[in-house]
Amino acid sequence: ELYGLDAKHAESSVIKTDKKRANYYNYFTGRKWGKL
């Protein structure tokens, strides 16, 4: 709705983005992304 992603590919895009964020965070901090 907000970013105009194709519904067919939106879920995989969201999951890939999460993976990139987690990898970046985990690599640079030594912590786990999203850990409360």
All heavy atoms as atom14 arrays in JSON, in Angstrom:
{
  "sequence": "ELYGLDAKHAESSVIKTDKKRANYYNYFTGRKWGKL",
  "atom14_mask": [
    [1, 1, 1, 1, 1, 1, 1, 1, 1, 0, 0, 0, 0, 0],
    [1, 1, 1, 1, 1, 1, 1, 1, 0, 0, 0, 0, 0, 0],
    [1, 1, 1, 1, 1, 1, 1, 1, 1, 1, 1, 1, 0, 0],
    [1, 1, 1, 1, 0, 0, 0, 0, 0, 0, 0, 0, 0, 0],
    [1, 1, 1, 1, 1, 1, 1, 1, 0, 0, 0, 0, 0, 0],
    [1, 1, 1, 1, 1, 1, 1, 1, 0, 0, 0, 0, 0, 0],
    [1, 1, 1, 1, 1, 0, 0, 0, 0, 0, 0, 0, 0, 0],
    [1, 1, 1, 1, 1, 1, 1, 1, 1, 0, 0, 0, 0, 0],
    [1, 1, 1, 1, 1, 1, 1, 1, 1, 1, 0, 0, 0, 0],
    [1, 1, 1, 1, 1, 0, 0, 0, 0, 0, 0, 0, 0, 0],
    [1, 1, 1, 1, 1, 1, 1, 1, 1, 0, 0, 0, 0, 0],
    [1, 1, 1, 1, 1, 1, 0, 0, 0, 0, 0, 0, 0, 0],
    [1, 1, 1, 1, 1, 1, 0, 0, 0, 0, 0, 0, 0, 0],
    [1, 1, 1, 1, 1, 1, 1, 0, 0, 0, 0, 0, 0, 0],
    [1, 1, 1, 1, 1, 1, 1, 1, 0, 0, 0, 0, 0, 0],
    [1, 1, 1, 1, 1, 1, 1, 1, 1, 0, 0, 0, 0, 0],
    [1, 1, 1, 1, 1, 1, 1, 0, 0, 0, 0, 0, 0, 0],
    [1, 1, 1, 1, 1, 1, 1, 1, 0, 0, 0, 0, 0, 0],
    [1, 1, 1, 1, 1, 1, 1, 1, 1, 0, 0, 0, 0, 0],
    [1, 1, 1, 1, 1, 1, 1, 1, 1, 0, 0, 0, 0, 0],
    [1, 1, 1, 1, 1, 1, 1, 1, 1, 1, 1, 0, 0, 0],
    [1, 1, 1, 1, 1, 0, 0, 0, 0, 0, 0, 0, 0, 0],
    [1, 1, 1, 1, 1, 1, 1, 1, 0, 0, 0, 0, 0, 0],
    [1, 1, 1, 1, 1, 1, 1, 1, 1, 1, 1, 1, 0, 0],
    [1, 1, 1, 1, 1, 1, 1, 1, 1, 1, 1, 1, 0, 0],
    [1, 1, 1, 1, 1, 1, 1, 1, 0, 0, 0, 0, 0, 0],
    [1, 1, 1, 1, 1, 1, 1, 1, 1, 1, 1, 1, 0, 0],
    [1, 1, 1, 1, 1, 1, 1, 1, 1, 1, 1, 0, 0, 0],
    [1, 1, 1, 1, 1, 1, 1, 0, 0, 0, 0, 0, 0, 0],
    [1, 1, 1, 1, 0, 0, 0, 0, 0, 0, 0, 0, 0, 0],
    [1, 1, 1, 1, 1, 1, 1, 1, 1, 1, 1, 0, 0, 0],
    [1, 1, 1, 1, 1, 1, 1, 1, 1, 0, 0, 0, 0, 0],
    [1, 1, 1, 1, 1, 1, 1, 1, 1, 1, 1, 1, 1, 1],
    [1, 1, 1, 1, 0, 0, 0, 0, 0, 0, 0, 0, 0, 0],
    [1, 1, 1, 1, 1, 1, 1, 1, 1, 0, 0, 0, 0, 0],
    [1, 1, 1, 1, 1, 1, 1, 1, 0, 0, 0, 0, 0, 0]
  ],
  "atom14_positions": [
    [[0.8, -1.22, 0.0], [0.0, 0.0, 0.0], [0.84, 1.27, 0.0], [0.56, 2.21, -0.74], [-0.94, 0.01, 1.21], [-2.03, -1.03, 1.14], [-2.89, -1.08, 2.39], [-2.61, -0.34, 3.37], [-3.86, -1.86, 2.39], [0.0, 0.0, 0.0], [0.0, 0.0, 0.0], [0.0, 0.0, 0.0], [0.0, 0.0, 0.0], [0.0, 0.0, 0.0]],
    [[1.85, 1.33, 0.85], [2.63, 2.57, 0.98], [3.8, 2.67, 0.02], [4.17, 3.76, -0.4], [3.15, 2.72, 2.41], [2.1, 2.93, 3.49], [2.76, 3.04, 4.86], [1.27, 4.16, 3.21], [0.0, 0.0, 0.0], [0.0, 0.0, 0.0], [0.0, 0.0, 0.0], [0.0, 0.0, 0.0], [0.0, 0.0, 0.0], [0.0, 0.0, 0.0]],
    [[4.41, 1.53, -0.28], [5.62, 1.56, -1.08], [5.43, 1.02, -2.49], [6.37, 0.97, -3.27], [6.74, 0.79, -0.37], [6.95, 1.27, 1.05], [6.81, 0.42, 2.12], [7.26, 2.61, 1.31], [6.98, 0.86, 3.43], [7.42, 3.07, 2.61], [7.28, 2.19, 3.66], [7.44, 2.64, 4.94], [0.0, 0.0, 0.0], [0.0, 0.0, 0.0]],
    [[4.2, 0.59, -2.81], [3.89, 0.17, -4.16], [4.52, -1.14, -4.6], [4.62, -1.4, -5.79], [0.0, 0.0, 0.0], [0.0, 0.0, 0.0], [0.0, 0.0, 0.0], [0.0, 0.0, 0.0], [0.0, 0.0, 0.0], [0.0, 0.0, 0.0], [0.0, 0.0, 0.0], [0.0, 0.0, 0.0], [0.0, 0.0, 0.0], [0.0, 0.0, 0.0]],
    [[4.94, -1.96, -3.65], [5.51, -3.25, -4.03], [4.43, -4.17, -4.58], [3.28, -4.13, -4.14], [6.17, -3.94, -2.83], [7.45, -3.31, -2.29], [7.98, -4.13, -1.12], [8.51, -3.21, -3.36], [0.0, 0.0, 0.0], [0.0, 0.0, 0.0], [0.0, 0.0, 0.0], [0.0, 0.0, 0.0], [0.0, 0.0, 0.0], [0.0, 0.0, 0.0]],
    [[4.79, -4.96, -5.54], [3.89, -5.96, -6.12], [3.52, -6.96, -5.04], [4.4, -7.51, -4.37], [4.6, -6.64, -7.28], [3.74, -7.67, -7.97], [3.38, -8.68, -7.32], [3.45, -7.48, -9.16], [0.0, 0.0, 0.0], [0.0, 0.0, 0.0], [0.0, 0.0, 0.0], [0.0, 0.0, 0.0], [0.0, 0.0, 0.0], [0.0, 0.0, 0.0]],
    [[2.23, -7.21, -4.85], [1.76, -8.1, -3.79], [2.4, -9.49, -3.89], [2.66, -10.13, -2.88], [0.24, -8.21, -3.84], [0.0, 0.0, 0.0], [0.0, 0.0, 0.0], [0.0, 0.0, 0.0], [0.0, 0.0, 0.0], [0.0, 0.0, 0.0], [0.0, 0.0, 0.0], [0.0, 0.0, 0.0], [0.0, 0.0, 0.0], [0.0, 0.0, 0.0]],
    [[2.65, -9.93, -5.1], [3.22, -11.25, -5.32], [4.64, -11.36, -4.75], [5.05, -12.41, -4.28], [3.25, -11.56, -6.82], [3.57, -13.0, -7.15], [3.76, -13.22, -8.64], [2.5, -12.97, -9.41], [2.64, -13.31, -10.85], [0.0, 0.0, 0.0], [0.0, 0.0, 0.0], [0.0, 0.0, 0.0], [0.0, 0.0, 0.0], [0.0, 0.0, 0.0]],
    [[5.38, -10.26, -4.78], [6.77, -10.29, -4.35], [7.01, -9.56, -3.02], [8.14, -9.57, -2.52], [7.65, -9.66, -5.43], [7.54, -10.37, -6.73], [6.83, -9.86, -7.79], [8.03, -11.56, -7.14], [6.9, -10.71, -8.8], [7.61, -11.75, -8.44], [0.0, 0.0, 0.0], [0.0, 0.0, 0.0], [0.0, 0.0, 0.0], [0.0, 0.0, 0.0]],
    [[5.98, -8.97, -2.47], [6.16, -8.15, -1.26], [6.66, -8.96, -0.08], [7.56, -8.53, 0.64], [4.86, -7.44, -0.92], [0.0, 0.0, 0.0], [0.0, 0.0, 0.0], [0.0, 0.0, 0.0], [0.0, 0.0, 0.0], [0.0, 0.0, 0.0], [0.0, 0.0, 0.0], [0.0, 0.0, 0.0], [0.0, 0.0, 0.0], [0.0, 0.0, 0.0]],
    [[6.09, -10.14, 0.14], [6.5, -10.93, 1.3], [7.97, -11.32, 1.21], [8.72, -11.17, 2.19], [5.64, -12.18, 1.47], [6.0, -12.95, 2.72], [5.05, -14.08, 3.05], [4.02, -14.24, 2.37], [5.34, -14.81, 4.01], [0.0, 0.0, 0.0], [0.0, 0.0, 0.0], [0.0, 0.0, 0.0], [0.0, 0.0, 0.0], [0.0, 0.0, 0.0]],
    [[8.41, -11.77, 0.07], [9.82, -12.15, -0.05], [10.73, -10.92, 0.1], [11.81, -11.01, 0.67], [10.11, -12.87, -1.37], [9.92, -12.01, -2.46], [0.0, 0.0, 0.0], [0.0, 0.0, 0.0], [0.0, 0.0, 0.0], [0.0, 0.0, 0.0], [0.0, 0.0, 0.0], [0.0, 0.0, 0.0], [0.0, 0.0, 0.0], [0.0, 0.0, 0.0]],
    [[10.27, -9.78, -0.35], [11.05, -8.55, -0.2], [11.17, -8.15, 1.27], [12.26, -7.77, 1.72], [10.39, -7.42, -1.0], [11.1, -6.23, -0.84], [0.0, 0.0, 0.0], [0.0, 0.0, 0.0], [0.0, 0.0, 0.0], [0.0, 0.0, 0.0], [0.0, 0.0, 0.0], [0.0, 0.0, 0.0], [0.0, 0.0, 0.0], [0.0, 0.0, 0.0]],
    [[10.09, -8.26, 2.01], [10.11, -7.95, 3.44], [11.05, -8.9, 4.18], [11.86, -8.48, 5.01], [8.67, -7.99, 4.03], [8.7, -7.96, 5.54], [7.84, -6.85, 3.47], [0.0, 0.0, 0.0], [0.0, 0.0, 0.0], [0.0, 0.0, 0.0], [0.0, 0.0, 0.0], [0.0, 0.0, 0.0], [0.0, 0.0, 0.0], [0.0, 0.0, 0.0]],
    [[10.97, -10.17, 3.85], [11.82, -11.17, 4.5], [13.3, -10.93, 4.17], [14.16, -11.0, 5.05], [11.37, -12.6, 4.11], [10.0, -12.89, 4.74], [12.41, -13.64, 4.52], [9.33, -14.15, 4.23], [0.0, 0.0, 0.0], [0.0, 0.0, 0.0], [0.0, 0.0, 0.0], [0.0, 0.0, 0.0], [0.0, 0.0, 0.0], [0.0, 0.0, 0.0]],
    [[13.59, -10.62, 2.9], [14.97, -10.33, 2.5], [15.5, -9.08, 3.2], [16.66, -9.05, 3.63], [15.06, -10.15, 0.99], [14.98, -11.45, 0.21], [15.04, -11.18, -1.28], [14.76, -12.46, -2.04], [14.67, -12.22, -3.5], [0.0, 0.0, 0.0], [0.0, 0.0, 0.0], [0.0, 0.0, 0.0], [0.0, 0.0, 0.0], [0.0, 0.0, 0.0]],
    [[14.66, -8.08, 3.33], [15.06, -6.85, 4.01], [15.38, -7.14, 5.48], [16.37, -6.65, 6.02], [13.97, -5.77, 3.89], [13.78, -5.47, 2.5], [14.35, -4.5, 4.63], [0.0, 0.0, 0.0], [0.0, 0.0, 0.0], [0.0, 0.0, 0.0], [0.0, 0.0, 0.0], [0.0, 0.0, 0.0], [0.0, 0.0, 0.0], [0.0, 0.0, 0.0]],
    [[14.54, -7.95, 6.12], [14.81, -8.34, 7.51], [16.14, -9.06, 7.63], [16.91, -8.82, 8.56], [13.7, -9.26, 8.03], [12.5, -8.51, 8.54], [12.53, -7.26, 8.57], [11.52, -9.16, 8.93], [0.0, 0.0, 0.0], [0.0, 0.0, 0.0], [0.0, 0.0, 0.0], [0.0, 0.0, 0.0], [0.0, 0.0, 0.0], [0.0, 0.0, 0.0]],
    [[16.4, -9.95, 6.7], [17.65, -10.71, 6.75], [18.85, -9.78, 6.6], [19.84, -9.92, 7.33], [17.66, -11.77, 5.65], [18.82, -12.71, 5.75], [18.7, -13.87, 4.78], [19.86, -14.82, 5.01], [19.76, -16.03, 4.22], [0.0, 0.0, 0.0], [0.0, 0.0, 0.0], [0.0, 0.0, 0.0], [0.0, 0.0, 0.0], [0.0, 0.0, 0.0]],
    [[18.75, -8.8, 5.69], [19.84, -7.84, 5.51], [20.03, -7.01, 6.78], [21.16, -6.78, 7.21], [19.54, -6.92, 4.33], [19.67, -7.57, 2.98], [19.32, -6.59, 1.89], [19.3, -7.27, 0.53], [18.88, -6.35, -0.54], [0.0, 0.0, 0.0], [0.0, 0.0, 0.0], [0.0, 0.0, 0.0], [0.0, 0.0, 0.0], [0.0, 0.0, 0.0]],
    [[18.94, -6.56, 7.38], [19.03, -5.77, 8.61], [19.67, -6.59, 9.73], [20.55, -6.1, 10.45], [17.64, -5.31, 9.05], [17.08, -4.21, 8.2], [15.68, -3.83, 8.66], [15.18, -2.73, 7.86], [13.91, -2.51, 7.63], [12.99, -3.29, 8.16], [13.53, -1.48, 6.9], [0.0, 0.0, 0.0], [0.0, 0.0, 0.0], [0.0, 0.0, 0.0]],
    [[19.23, -7.83, 9.86], [19.77, -8.69, 10.92], [21.25, -8.96, 10.69], [22.05, -8.88, 11.63], [18.99, -10.0, 10.97], [0.0, 0.0, 0.0], [0.0, 0.0, 0.0], [0.0, 0.0, 0.0], [0.0, 0.0, 0.0], [0.0, 0.0, 0.0], [0.0, 0.0, 0.0], [0.0, 0.0, 0.0], [0.0, 0.0, 0.0], [0.0, 0.0, 0.0]],
    [[21.63, -9.26, 9.47], [23.03, -9.53, 9.17], [23.9, -8.31, 9.45], [24.98, -8.43, 10.03], [23.21, -9.97, 7.71], [22.71, -11.38, 7.47], [22.59, -12.18, 8.39], [22.41, -11.69, 6.22], [0.0, 0.0, 0.0], [0.0, 0.0, 0.0], [0.0, 0.0, 0.0], [0.0, 0.0, 0.0], [0.0, 0.0, 0.0], [0.0, 0.0, 0.0]],
    [[23.45, -7.15, 9.04], [24.19, -5.9, 9.28], [24.36, -5.69, 10.78], [25.47, -5.47, 11.26], [23.42, -4.73, 8.65], [24.08, -3.39, 8.87], [24.95, -2.87, 7.93], [23.82, -2.63, 10.01], [25.56, -1.64, 8.11], [24.42, -1.4, 10.21], [25.29, -0.91, 9.26], [25.89, 0.31, 9.46], [0.0, 0.0, 0.0], [0.0, 0.0, 0.0]],
    [[23.25, -5.75, 11.5], [23.27, -5.5, 12.94], [24.16, -6.52, 13.66], [25.01, -6.16, 14.46], [21.85, -5.55, 13.49], [21.76, -5.18, 14.95], [21.63, -3.86, 15.34], [21.79, -6.15, 15.95], [21.55, -3.51, 16.68], [21.72, -5.81, 17.29], [21.6, -4.49, 17.65], [21.52, -4.15, 18.97], [0.0, 0.0, 0.0], [0.0, 0.0, 0.0]],
    [[23.95, -7.8, 13.37], [24.7, -8.86, 14.02], [26.2, -8.74, 13.74], [27.03, -8.93, 14.63], [24.2, -10.23, 13.59], [22.74, -10.46, 13.94], [22.12, -9.71, 14.68], [22.16, -11.49, 13.36], [0.0, 0.0, 0.0], [0.0, 0.0, 0.0], [0.0, 0.0, 0.0], [0.0, 0.0, 0.0], [0.0, 0.0, 0.0], [0.0, 0.0, 0.0]],
    [[26.54, -8.42, 12.5], [27.95, -8.31, 12.11], [28.66, -7.16, 12.84], [29.74, -7.33, 13.37], [28.07, -8.12, 10.59], [29.48, -7.96, 10.11], [30.29, -9.07, 9.92], [30.01, -6.69, 9.85], [31.61, -8.92, 9.5], [31.32, -6.55, 9.42], [32.11, -7.66, 9.24], [33.41, -7.51, 8.81], [0.0, 0.0, 0.0], [0.0, 0.0, 0.0]],
    [[28.02, -5.99, 12.83], [28.68, -4.81, 13.38], [28.59, -4.68, 14.9], [29.37, -3.96, 15.5], [28.15, -3.54, 12.71], [28.67, -3.36, 11.32], [27.86, -3.61, 10.23], [29.99, -2.97, 11.09], [28.34, -3.46, 8.94], [30.48, -2.83, 9.81], [29.65, -3.07, 8.72], [0.0, 0.0, 0.0], [0.0, 0.0, 0.0], [0.0, 0.0, 0.0]],
    [[27.65, -5.37, 15.52], [27.48, -5.22, 16.97], [27.84, -6.46, 17.77], [28.08, -6.36, 18.97], [26.02, -4.86, 17.32], [25.18, -5.98, 17.06], [25.55, -3.64, 16.55], [0.0, 0.0, 0.0], [0.0, 0.0, 0.0], [0.0, 0.0, 0.0], [0.0, 0.0, 0.0], [0.0, 0.0, 0.0], [0.0, 0.0, 0.0], [0.0, 0.0, 0.0]],
    [[27.81, -7.62, 17.14], [28.0, -8.87, 17.87], [26.77, -9.25, 18.69], [26.8, -10.18, 19.48], [0.0, 0.0, 0.0], [0.0, 0.0, 0.0], [0.0, 0.0, 0.0], [0.0, 0.0, 0.0], [0.0, 0.0, 0.0], [0.0, 0.0, 0.0], [0.0, 0.0, 0.0], [0.0, 0.0, 0.0], [0.0, 0.0, 0.0], [0.0, 0.0, 0.0]],
    [[25.7, -8.52, 18.48], [24.43, -8.78, 19.16], [23.43, -9.37, 18.17], [23.68, -9.38, 16.97], [23.82, -7.49, 19.7], [24.62, -6.78, 20.75], [23.9, -5.5, 21.08], [24.5, -4.76, 22.17], [24.05, -3.59, 22.58], [23.02, -3.02, 21.99], [24.64, -2.97, 23.58], [0.0, 0.0, 0.0], [0.0, 0.0, 0.0], [0.0, 0.0, 0.0]],
    [[22.3, -9.81, 18.69], [21.25, -10.34, 17.83], [20.19, -9.26, 17.58], [19.62, -8.71, 18.52], [20.6, -11.58, 18.45], [19.59, -12.21, 17.53], [19.06, -13.52, 18.05], [18.06, -14.05, 17.04], [17.4, -15.23, 17.48], [0.0, 0.0, 0.0], [0.0, 0.0, 0.0], [0.0, 0.0, 0.0], [0.0, 0.0, 0.0], [0.0, 0.0, 0.0]],
    [[19.93, -8.97, 16.31], [18.95, -7.97, 15.92], [17.56, -8.34, 16.42], [17.15, -9.5, 16.34], [18.93, -7.85, 14.39], [17.97, -6.85, 13.85], [18.08, -5.49, 13.93], [16.78, -7.1, 13.11], [17.03, -4.91, 13.29], [16.21, -5.87, 12.78], [16.14, -8.28, 12.7], [15.03, -5.76, 12.05], [14.97, -8.17, 11.99], [14.42, -6.92, 11.67]],
    [[16.87, -7.39, 17.0], [15.51, -7.6, 17.48], [15.41, -8.16, 18.88], [14.31, -8.29, 19.41], [0.0, 0.0, 0.0], [0.0, 0.0, 0.0], [0.0, 0.0, 0.0], [0.0, 0.0, 0.0], [0.0, 0.0, 0.0], [0.0, 0.0, 0.0], [0.0, 0.0, 0.0], [0.0, 0.0, 0.0], [0.0, 0.0, 0.0], [0.0, 0.0, 0.0]],
    [[16.52, -8.49, 19.49], [16.5, -9.04, 20.84], [16.08, -7.93, 21.81], [16.7, -6.87, 21.86], [17.87, -9.6, 21.21], [17.87, -10.43, 22.45], [19.21, -11.13, 22.63], [19.15, -12.03, 23.84], [20.42, -12.71, 24.06], [0.0, 0.0, 0.0], [0.0, 0.0, 0.0], [0.0, 0.0, 0.0], [0.0, 0.0, 0.0], [0.0, 0.0, 0.0]],
    [[15.05, -8.19, 22.57], [14.44, -7.15, 23.4], [15.4, -6.54, 24.41], [15.25, -5.36, 24.76], [13.21, -7.7, 24.11], [12.06, -8.13, 23.18], [10.89, -8.64, 23.99], [11.65, -7.0, 22.26], [0.0, 0.0, 0.0], [0.0, 0.0, 0.0], [0.0, 0.0, 0.0], [0.0, 0.0, 0.0], [0.0, 0.0, 0.0], [0.0, 0.0, 0.0]]
  ]
}
